């Protein structure tokens, strides 16, 4: 059985698609202005200190993101004056 090799561009495209999918889920819940980039910014803030996680953790972090966690991220960013 051949193992499938992914290059960096393919992985990046898949991660972007996952973020867009999660943003679409949030839009269906009434959060109209969420984008895939917003989801990525929310998720990736943890990776600044930790470094890039294994792919399975990254996928889990994206798909398990809850609206409440995303809204907390936005609130904290607003308090800190971070321009999103």
N, C-alpha and C. Protein backbone atom coordinates (compact mmCIF):
# COMPACT_ATOMS: atom_id res chain seq x y z
N UNK A 1 0.84 -1.17 0.00
CA UNK A 1 0.00 0.00 0.00
C UNK A 1 0.89 1.24 0.00
N UNK A 2 0.64 2.14 -0.91
CA UNK A 2 1.42 3.35 -1.04
C UNK A 2 0.94 4.41 -0.07
N UNK A 3 1.87 5.06 0.59
CA UNK A 3 1.47 6.16 1.47
C UNK A 3 1.36 7.42 0.62
N UNK A 4 0.36 8.20 0.90
CA UNK A 4 0.12 9.41 0.14
C UNK A 4 0.95 10.55 0.71
N UNK A 5 1.70 11.20 -0.14
CA UNK A 5 2.53 12.32 0.29
C UNK A 5 1.84 13.63 -0.07
N UNK A 6 1.78 14.53 0.86
CA UNK A 6 1.16 15.83 0.64
C UNK A 6 2.27 16.87 0.60
N UNK A 7 2.17 17.79 -0.32
CA UNK A 7 3.14 18.88 -0.29
C UNK A 7 2.53 20.05 0.49
N UNK A 8 3.35 21.02 0.78
CA UNK A 8 2.93 22.15 1.62
C UNK A 8 1.75 22.90 1.02
N UNK A 9 1.77 23.12 -0.30
CA UNK A 9 0.68 23.86 -0.95
C UNK A 9 -0.64 23.12 -0.84
N UNK A 10 -0.62 21.81 -0.99
CA UNK A 10 -1.85 21.02 -0.89
C UNK A 10 -2.41 21.09 0.52
N UNK A 11 -1.55 21.00 1.50
CA UNK A 11 -1.99 21.07 2.90
C UNK A 11 -2.56 22.46 3.19
N UNK A 12 -1.89 23.50 2.71
CA UNK A 12 -2.38 24.87 2.92
C UNK A 12 -3.76 25.06 2.30
N UNK A 13 -3.96 24.54 1.10
CA UNK A 13 -5.26 24.66 0.45
C UNK A 13 -6.34 23.93 1.24
N UNK A 14 -6.02 22.76 1.76
CA UNK A 14 -6.99 22.00 2.54
C UNK A 14 -7.32 22.72 3.85
N UNK A 15 -6.33 23.30 4.48
CA UNK A 15 -6.56 24.04 5.73
C UNK A 15 -7.44 25.26 5.46
N UNK A 16 -7.16 25.96 4.36
CA UNK A 16 -8.00 27.10 3.99
C UNK A 16 -9.43 26.66 3.74
N UNK A 17 -9.61 25.52 3.09
CA UNK A 17 -10.96 25.01 2.82
C UNK A 17 -11.67 24.66 4.14
N UNK A 18 -10.94 24.09 5.09
CA UNK A 18 -11.54 23.76 6.39
C UNK A 18 -11.97 25.04 7.12
N UNK A 19 -11.14 26.07 7.06
CA UNK A 19 -11.48 27.34 7.71
C UNK A 19 -12.70 27.98 7.04
N UNK A 20 -12.77 27.92 5.71
CA UNK A 20 -13.95 28.44 5.01
C UNK A 20 -15.20 27.66 5.40
N UNK A 21 -15.06 26.35 5.55
CA UNK A 21 -16.18 25.51 5.94
C UNK A 21 -16.68 25.88 7.34
N UNK A 22 -15.76 26.10 8.25
CA UNK A 22 -16.14 26.49 9.61
C UNK A 22 -16.79 27.87 9.60
N UNK A 23 -16.27 28.79 8.80
CA UNK A 23 -16.86 30.12 8.69
C UNK A 23 -18.28 30.03 8.15
N UNK A 24 -18.50 29.15 7.17
CA UNK A 24 -19.84 28.95 6.62
C UNK A 24 -20.78 28.40 7.69
N UNK A 25 -20.29 27.51 8.52
CA UNK A 25 -21.09 26.98 9.63
C UNK A 25 -21.52 28.12 10.55
N UNK A 26 -20.58 29.01 10.89
CA UNK A 26 -20.90 30.14 11.76
C UNK A 26 -21.92 31.06 11.09
N UNK A 27 -21.78 31.27 9.78
CA UNK A 27 -22.74 32.11 9.07
C UNK A 27 -24.13 31.50 9.11
N UNK A 28 -24.21 30.19 9.02
CA UNK A 28 -25.51 29.53 9.11
C UNK A 28 -26.14 29.70 10.49
N UNK A 29 -25.30 29.92 11.48
CA UNK A 29 -25.78 30.15 12.84
C UNK A 29 -26.09 31.62 13.11
N UNK A 30 -25.92 32.47 12.09
CA UNK A 30 -26.29 33.87 12.23
C UNK A 30 -25.12 34.83 12.36
N UNK A 31 -23.90 34.35 12.35
CA UNK A 31 -22.73 35.22 12.44
C UNK A 31 -22.26 35.50 11.01
N UNK A 32 -22.87 36.52 10.39
CA UNK A 32 -22.77 36.76 8.96
C UNK A 32 -21.40 37.16 8.45
N UNK A 33 -20.59 37.79 9.26
CA UNK A 33 -19.36 38.39 8.75
C UNK A 33 -18.10 37.59 9.04
N UNK A 34 -18.22 36.36 9.43
CA UNK A 34 -17.06 35.53 9.72
C UNK A 34 -16.49 35.00 8.40
N UNK A 35 -15.17 35.09 8.26
CA UNK A 35 -14.49 34.57 7.08
C UNK A 35 -13.54 33.45 7.48
N UNK A 36 -13.06 32.75 6.48
CA UNK A 36 -12.08 31.70 6.73
C UNK A 36 -10.82 32.26 7.37
N UNK A 37 -10.44 33.46 6.96
CA UNK A 37 -9.25 34.11 7.54
C UNK A 37 -9.47 34.40 9.01
N UNK A 38 -10.68 34.83 9.37
CA UNK A 38 -10.99 35.08 10.78
C UNK A 38 -10.84 33.81 11.61
N UNK A 39 -11.33 32.71 11.06
CA UNK A 39 -11.22 31.42 11.76
C UNK A 39 -9.75 31.07 11.94
N UNK A 40 -8.96 31.22 10.87
CA UNK A 40 -7.54 30.90 10.96
C UNK A 40 -6.84 31.77 12.00
N UNK A 41 -7.14 33.07 12.02
CA UNK A 41 -6.53 33.97 12.99
C UNK A 41 -6.86 33.55 14.43
N UNK A 42 -8.09 33.13 14.64
CA UNK A 42 -8.52 32.68 15.96
C UNK A 42 -7.78 31.40 16.36
N UNK A 43 -7.70 30.46 15.47
CA UNK A 43 -7.06 29.17 15.76
C UNK A 43 -5.56 29.34 15.91
N UNK A 44 -4.94 30.07 15.00
CA UNK A 44 -3.47 30.12 14.95
C UNK A 44 -2.84 30.95 16.05
N UNK A 45 -3.63 31.71 16.79
CA UNK A 45 -3.03 32.51 17.87
C UNK A 45 -2.35 31.62 18.91
N UNK A 46 -2.79 30.39 19.06
CA UNK A 46 -2.18 29.47 20.01
C UNK A 46 -0.84 28.93 19.53
N UNK A 47 -0.62 28.99 18.25
CA UNK A 47 0.58 28.38 17.67
C UNK A 47 1.79 29.30 17.70
N UNK A 48 1.60 30.55 18.11
CA UNK A 48 2.72 31.48 18.18
C UNK A 48 3.74 30.98 19.21
N UNK A 49 3.27 30.57 20.37
CA UNK A 49 4.15 30.09 21.42
C UNK A 49 4.52 28.62 21.24
N UNK A 50 3.55 27.81 20.85
CA UNK A 50 3.75 26.37 20.75
C UNK A 50 4.48 25.94 19.48
N UNK A 51 4.38 26.73 18.43
CA UNK A 51 4.88 26.31 17.13
C UNK A 51 3.78 25.56 16.39
N UNK A 52 4.05 25.19 15.17
CA UNK A 52 3.05 24.51 14.36
C UNK A 52 2.77 23.13 14.92
N UNK A 53 1.49 22.83 15.18
CA UNK A 53 1.14 21.53 15.75
C UNK A 53 1.10 20.45 14.67
N UNK A 54 0.97 19.19 15.08
CA UNK A 54 0.77 18.13 14.09
C UNK A 54 -0.54 18.38 13.33
N UNK A 55 -0.61 17.87 12.13
CA UNK A 55 -1.76 18.12 11.26
C UNK A 55 -3.07 17.69 11.90
N UNK A 56 -3.08 16.55 12.59
CA UNK A 56 -4.33 16.08 13.19
C UNK A 56 -4.84 17.04 14.26
N UNK A 57 -3.93 17.69 15.01
CA UNK A 57 -4.34 18.66 16.03
C UNK A 57 -4.89 19.92 15.36
N UNK A 58 -4.24 20.33 14.29
CA UNK A 58 -4.69 21.51 13.56
C UNK A 58 -6.11 21.31 13.02
N UNK A 59 -6.36 20.16 12.41
CA UNK A 59 -7.69 19.85 11.88
C UNK A 59 -8.71 19.82 13.02
N UNK A 60 -8.35 19.19 14.12
CA UNK A 60 -9.26 19.13 15.28
C UNK A 60 -9.55 20.52 15.82
N UNK A 61 -8.54 21.36 15.91
CA UNK A 61 -8.74 22.72 16.43
C UNK A 61 -9.72 23.50 15.55
N UNK A 62 -9.62 23.34 14.25
CA UNK A 62 -10.51 24.06 13.34
C UNK A 62 -11.94 23.54 13.48
N UNK A 63 -12.10 22.24 13.35
CA UNK A 63 -13.46 21.69 13.34
C UNK A 63 -14.14 21.68 14.70
N UNK A 64 -13.38 21.78 15.79
CA UNK A 64 -14.01 21.78 17.11
C UNK A 64 -14.21 23.19 17.67
N UNK A 65 -13.82 24.21 16.90
CA UNK A 65 -14.00 25.59 17.36
C UNK A 65 -15.49 25.89 17.55
N UNK A 66 -15.82 26.41 18.69
CA UNK A 66 -17.20 26.77 19.01
C UNK A 66 -17.38 28.28 18.87
N UNK A 67 -18.60 28.68 18.59
CA UNK A 67 -18.92 30.09 18.44
C UNK A 67 -18.52 30.86 19.69
N UNK A 68 -18.77 30.30 20.85
CA UNK A 68 -18.44 30.97 22.11
C UNK A 68 -16.94 31.27 22.20
N UNK A 69 -16.12 30.33 21.82
CA UNK A 69 -14.66 30.54 21.84
C UNK A 69 -14.25 31.62 20.86
N UNK A 70 -14.87 31.59 19.69
CA UNK A 70 -14.58 32.61 18.68
C UNK A 70 -14.99 34.00 19.17
N UNK A 71 -16.15 34.10 19.78
CA UNK A 71 -16.62 35.39 20.29
C UNK A 71 -15.73 35.88 21.45
N UNK A 72 -15.27 34.97 22.29
CA UNK A 72 -14.33 35.36 23.35
C UNK A 72 -13.05 35.91 22.75
N UNK A 73 -12.55 35.27 21.70
CA UNK A 73 -11.36 35.75 20.99
C UNK A 73 -11.58 37.17 20.48
N UNK A 74 -12.74 37.43 19.85
CA UNK A 74 -13.03 38.77 19.34
C UNK A 74 -13.12 39.80 20.45
N UNK A 75 -13.75 39.42 21.56
CA UNK A 75 -13.90 40.34 22.69
C UNK A 75 -12.54 40.71 23.28
N UNK A 76 -11.69 39.73 23.48
CA UNK A 76 -10.36 39.99 24.03
C UNK A 76 -9.54 40.85 23.07
N UNK A 77 -9.64 40.55 21.79
CA UNK A 77 -8.93 41.35 20.79
C UNK A 77 -9.42 42.80 20.82
N UNK A 78 -10.72 43.01 20.99
CA UNK A 78 -11.27 44.37 21.06
C UNK A 78 -10.77 45.09 22.30
N UNK A 79 -10.72 44.41 23.42
CA UNK A 79 -10.23 45.02 24.65
C UNK A 79 -8.76 45.43 24.51
N UNK A 80 -8.00 44.61 23.84
CA UNK A 80 -6.57 44.89 23.65
C UNK A 80 -6.32 45.90 22.54
N UNK A 81 -7.37 46.22 21.80
CA UNK A 81 -7.20 47.17 20.70
C UNK A 81 -6.54 46.57 19.48
N UNK A 82 -6.62 45.25 19.34
CA UNK A 82 -6.03 44.57 18.20
C UNK A 82 -6.95 44.71 17.01
N UNK A 83 -6.41 45.17 15.91
CA UNK A 83 -7.19 45.36 14.70
C UNK A 83 -7.27 44.03 13.96
N UNK A 84 -8.47 43.47 13.85
CA UNK A 84 -8.64 42.20 13.16
C UNK A 84 -9.02 42.51 11.76
